[in-house]
Amino acid sequence: MGAGEVNREDGFEEEIGVRERQKTKKPPLYRVFLLNDDYTTMDFVIHILEHIFKKSPVEATRIMLHVHKNGRGLAGVYTRDIAETKIAEVHGLARKSSFPLQCTMEKE
């Protein structure tokens, strides 16, 4: 049966139509930034970038140096829930390792 045809099973008439595709809005994205401080080691920042943000060693080093020189650096862009989760992971691992490393997020 095609679209718009009538189904006559069991004595009921029902028009079978084509569902219209609903356009869904893409969720807003958030930029996650690492902030520089005077106590967190460069090696720890690289570790965070590699393990939490899944950056390659070369990219993690580049971002770490940018954070060190400029005060903050972009670690990634994510939906709100993922950004909040990554920030919580960074803060938790930093506290566990006795570092004051901070992350922030800004709507893109």
Protein backbone atom coordinates (compact mmCIF):
# COMPACT_ATOMS: atom_id res chain seq x y z
CA MET A 1 0.00 0.00 0.00
CA GLY A 2 1.31 3.45 -0.82
CA ALA A 3 0.86 6.79 0.87
CA GLY A 4 -2.72 8.01 0.91
CA GLU A 5 -4.22 4.55 0.23
CA VAL A 6 -7.07 3.27 2.34
CA ASN A 7 -6.64 0.22 4.60
CA ARG A 8 -9.91 -1.75 4.81
CA GLU A 9 -8.95 -4.55 7.26
CA ASP A 10 -11.56 -5.58 9.84
CA GLY A 11 -14.15 -3.22 8.36
CA PHE A 12 -12.30 -0.06 9.45
CA GLU A 13 -11.22 2.59 7.05
CA GLU A 14 -8.03 4.40 7.84
CA GLU A 15 -5.91 6.55 5.62
CA ILE A 16 -2.25 5.69 5.78
CA GLY A 17 -0.15 8.81 5.31
CA VAL A 18 3.49 9.68 5.16
CA ARG A 19 4.96 11.12 8.32
CA GLU A 20 6.56 14.48 7.87
CA ARG A 21 10.12 14.75 9.04
CA GLN A 22 10.42 17.06 11.96
CA LYS A 23 13.44 19.26 11.96
CA THR A 24 15.23 19.12 15.27
CA LYS A 25 17.33 21.98 16.50
CA LYS A 26 20.94 21.23 17.21
CA PRO A 27 21.74 21.69 20.90
CA PRO A 28 23.82 24.74 21.80
CA LEU A 29 27.52 24.13 22.15
CA TYR A 30 29.84 25.24 24.93
CA ARG A 31 33.56 25.94 24.83
CA VAL A 32 35.55 24.46 27.70
CA PHE A 33 38.64 26.44 28.72
CA LEU A 34 41.50 25.49 31.02
CA LEU A 35 42.79 28.36 33.15
CA ASN A 36 46.41 28.99 34.02
CA ASP A 37 47.62 29.04 37.61
CA ASP A 38 51.03 29.16 39.27
CA TYR A 39 50.87 25.70 40.87
CA THR A 40 49.52 23.10 38.44
CA THR A 41 52.38 21.42 36.59
CA MET A 42 52.59 21.44 32.82
CA ASP A 43 52.78 17.64 32.85
CA PHE A 44 49.50 17.43 34.76
CA VAL A 45 47.76 19.76 32.29
CA ILE A 46 49.00 17.60 29.42
CA HIS A 47 47.72 14.51 31.26
CA ILE A 48 44.28 16.14 31.66
CA LEU A 49 44.14 17.11 27.98
CA GLU A 50 45.14 13.62 26.83
CA HIS A 51 42.89 11.62 29.16
CA ILE A 52 39.80 13.75 29.70
CA PHE A 53 39.73 15.70 26.43
CA LYS A 54 41.24 12.89 24.28
CA LYS A 55 43.93 15.09 22.71
CA SER A 56 47.06 13.69 21.09
CA PRO A 57 50.33 14.32 22.96
CA VAL A 58 51.33 16.97 20.38
CA GLU A 59 47.98 18.78 20.55
CA ALA A 60 47.89 18.54 24.35
CA THR A 61 51.34 20.12 24.55
CA ARG A 62 50.32 22.89 22.16
CA ILE A 63 47.19 23.69 24.20
CA MET A 64 49.12 23.55 27.49
CA LEU A 65 51.67 26.07 26.17
CA HIS A 66 48.85 28.32 24.98
CA VAL A 67 47.26 28.18 28.46
CA HIS A 68 50.65 28.92 30.05
CA LYS A 69 51.35 31.94 27.82
CA ASN A 70 47.83 33.38 27.47
CA GLY A 71 46.10 32.57 30.75
CA ARG A 72 43.56 30.19 29.27
CA GLY A 73 43.17 27.79 26.39
CA LEU A 74 40.39 25.98 24.59
CA ALA A 75 40.23 22.31 25.55
CA GLY A 76 37.16 21.45 23.46
CA VAL A 77 33.63 22.27 22.36
CA TYR A 78 30.75 20.13 23.62
CA THR A 79 27.05 20.07 24.40
CA ARG A 80 26.18 21.42 27.84
CA ASP A 81 25.96 18.06 29.64
CA ILE A 82 29.25 16.80 28.24
CA ALA A 83 31.00 20.12 28.96
CA GLU A 84 29.78 20.07 32.58
CA THR A 85 30.89 16.45 32.97
CA LYS A 86 34.37 17.18 31.61
CA ILE A 87 34.73 20.18 33.94
CA ALA A 88 33.70 18.05 36.93
CA GLU A 89 36.24 15.38 35.90
CA VAL A 90 39.02 17.99 35.63
CA HIS A 91 38.19 19.53 39.00
CA GLY A 92 37.91 16.11 40.66
CA LEU A 93 41.22 14.82 39.30
CA ALA A 94 42.95 18.13 40.08
CA ARG A 95 41.74 18.10 43.70
CA LYS A 96 42.73 14.44 44.07
CA SER A 97 46.21 15.39 42.80
CA SER A 98 46.36 18.54 45.00
CA PHE A 99 46.32 21.02 42.10
CA PRO A 100 44.12 24.12 41.85
CA LEU A 101 43.51 23.69 38.09
CA GLN A 102 40.27 25.34 37.00
CA CYS A 103 38.01 24.96 33.96
CA THR A 104 35.24 27.19 32.70
CA MET A 105 32.69 26.95 29.94
CA GLU A 106 31.16 29.58 27.71
CA LYS A 107 28.26 29.27 25.32
CA GLU A 108 29.48 29.32 21.75
